[in-house]
Amino acid sequence: MDDGELIFTNATTIYTVPEAPGGTRGLFALHIYQVGGTSPSLAVAIETKDVTDASWTNVGSFAAATAVGTIMKYASGLKQRVRLAFTMSGTNAWERYRKYAVSYLP
């Protein structure tokens, strides 16, 4: 679990460390506990791939996080590796989040 990660406005997408999922479906949850700057908006995508795949596939995206609160997203079709992709937008914007353990289903 990532705890207290801080993401600033940046043109570069930031990724979590890939992990092996515990099933082919999962409920992903993040808690945004601080936001700042002008018009902060955090886009978060759930990506997956098999070890031999050349690229990652988006299997779901959270609603944009623009304020303090918890966001959740169910995703299916998970393969051998899963990661989250974060893209922050806004002017001098930033958000601090906590990633909860994923609830995987077979």
Protein backbone atom coordinates (compact mmCIF):
# COMPACT_ATOMS: atom_id res chain seq x y z
CA MET A 1 0.00 0.00 0.00
CA ASP A 2 1.25 3.47 -0.83
CA ASP A 3 0.87 5.75 2.16
CA GLY A 4 0.94 9.51 1.87
CA GLU A 5 2.07 9.79 -1.73
CA LEU A 6 2.18 13.35 -3.07
CA ILE A 7 1.56 14.12 -6.74
CA PHE A 8 2.27 17.52 -8.31
CA THR A 9 1.10 18.98 -11.61
CA ASN A 10 3.33 17.42 -14.24
CA ALA A 11 3.03 16.45 -17.88
CA THR A 12 4.47 13.05 -17.01
CA THR A 13 2.21 10.18 -15.92
CA ILE A 14 3.37 8.56 -12.68
CA TYR A 15 2.95 4.80 -12.09
CA THR A 16 2.73 2.62 -9.01
CA VAL A 17 5.00 -0.41 -8.76
CA PRO A 18 3.38 -3.29 -10.70
CA GLU A 19 1.96 -6.04 -8.52
CA ALA A 20 0.60 -9.52 -9.09
CA PRO A 21 -3.18 -9.43 -8.60
CA GLY A 22 -4.98 -11.95 -6.42
CA GLY A 23 -7.69 -12.54 -9.02
CA THR A 24 -9.05 -11.42 -12.38
CA ARG A 25 -11.33 -8.74 -10.87
CA GLY A 26 -10.76 -6.17 -8.16
CA LEU A 27 -12.14 -3.19 -6.25
CA PHE A 28 -9.57 -0.39 -6.11
CA ALA A 29 -9.84 2.49 -3.63
CA LEU A 30 -7.92 5.70 -2.99
CA HIS A 31 -8.43 8.30 -0.30
CA ILE A 32 -7.49 11.84 -1.27
CA TYR A 33 -6.70 13.63 1.97
CA GLN A 34 -5.11 16.90 0.83
CA VAL A 35 -5.48 19.04 -2.29
CA GLY A 36 -3.96 22.37 -3.26
CA GLY A 37 -3.31 24.77 -6.09
CA THR A 38 -5.74 26.02 -8.69
CA SER A 39 -8.21 23.57 -10.23
CA PRO A 40 -6.50 20.35 -9.05
CA SER A 41 -7.67 17.24 -10.88
CA LEU A 42 -6.13 13.80 -10.52
CA ALA A 43 -6.86 11.23 -13.23
CA VAL A 44 -6.18 7.63 -12.20
CA ALA A 45 -6.24 4.65 -14.57
CA ILE A 46 -5.99 0.94 -13.75
CA GLU A 47 -3.63 -0.83 -16.13
CA THR A 48 -2.83 -4.52 -16.57
CA LYS A 49 -0.66 -6.83 -18.68
CA ASP A 50 0.76 -10.32 -18.84
CA VAL A 51 4.51 -10.61 -18.28
CA THR A 52 5.07 -11.30 -21.98
CA ASP A 53 2.84 -8.44 -23.24
CA ALA A 54 4.67 -5.53 -24.86
CA SER A 55 2.32 -2.86 -23.48
CA TRP A 56 -0.16 -2.11 -20.72
CA THR A 57 -3.96 -2.13 -21.21
CA ASN A 58 -6.32 0.29 -19.46
CA VAL A 59 -9.12 -1.71 -17.78
CA GLY A 60 -10.75 1.15 -15.89
CA SER A 61 -10.45 4.76 -14.81
CA PHE A 62 -11.57 6.47 -11.63
CA ALA A 63 -13.70 9.60 -11.80
CA ALA A 64 -11.34 12.59 -11.63
CA ALA A 65 -10.35 13.38 -8.04
CA THR A 66 -10.80 17.11 -7.45
CA ALA A 67 -11.44 17.26 -3.70
CA VAL A 68 -10.78 15.44 -0.43
CA GLY A 69 -12.65 12.13 -0.26
CA THR A 70 -12.56 8.46 -1.19
CA ILE A 71 -12.83 7.24 -4.77
CA MET A 72 -13.38 3.62 -5.81
CA LYS A 73 -13.37 1.71 -9.07
CA TYR A 74 -14.17 -1.90 -9.95
CA ALA A 75 -12.11 -3.45 -12.75
CA SER A 76 -12.19 -6.84 -14.45
CA GLY A 77 -9.96 -8.57 -16.99
CA LEU A 78 -6.88 -8.29 -14.76
CA LYS A 79 -3.84 -10.17 -16.02
CA GLN A 80 -0.51 -11.13 -14.38
CA ARG A 81 0.50 -7.55 -13.44
CA VAL A 82 -1.52 -4.52 -12.33
CA ARG A 83 -0.53 -0.90 -11.77
CA LEU A 84 -2.14 2.51 -11.36
CA ALA A 85 -1.31 5.45 -13.64
CA PHE A 86 -1.66 8.96 -12.16
CA THR A 87 -1.90 12.18 -14.18
CA MET A 88 -2.26 15.48 -12.29
CA SER A 89 -3.57 18.63 -13.91
CA GLY A 90 -4.23 22.18 -12.76
CA THR A 91 -2.08 25.22 -12.00
CA ASN A 92 0.55 24.55 -9.35
CA ALA A 93 -1.84 21.80 -8.29
CA TRP A 94 -1.07 18.87 -6.00
CA GLU A 95 -2.88 16.10 -4.17
CA ARG A 96 -1.86 13.70 -1.44
CA TYR A 97 -3.45 10.25 -1.52
CA ARG A 98 -3.46 6.89 0.21
CA LYS A 99 -3.97 3.69 -1.79
CA TYR A 100 -5.92 1.01 0.05
CA ALA A 101 -5.29 -2.69 -0.41
CA VAL A 102 -7.17 -4.00 -3.45
CA SER A 103 -10.05 -6.43 -2.83
CA TYR A 104 -9.43 -9.08 -5.50
CA LEU A 105 -12.01 -11.61 -6.72
CA PRO A 106 -11.43 -14.76 -8.78
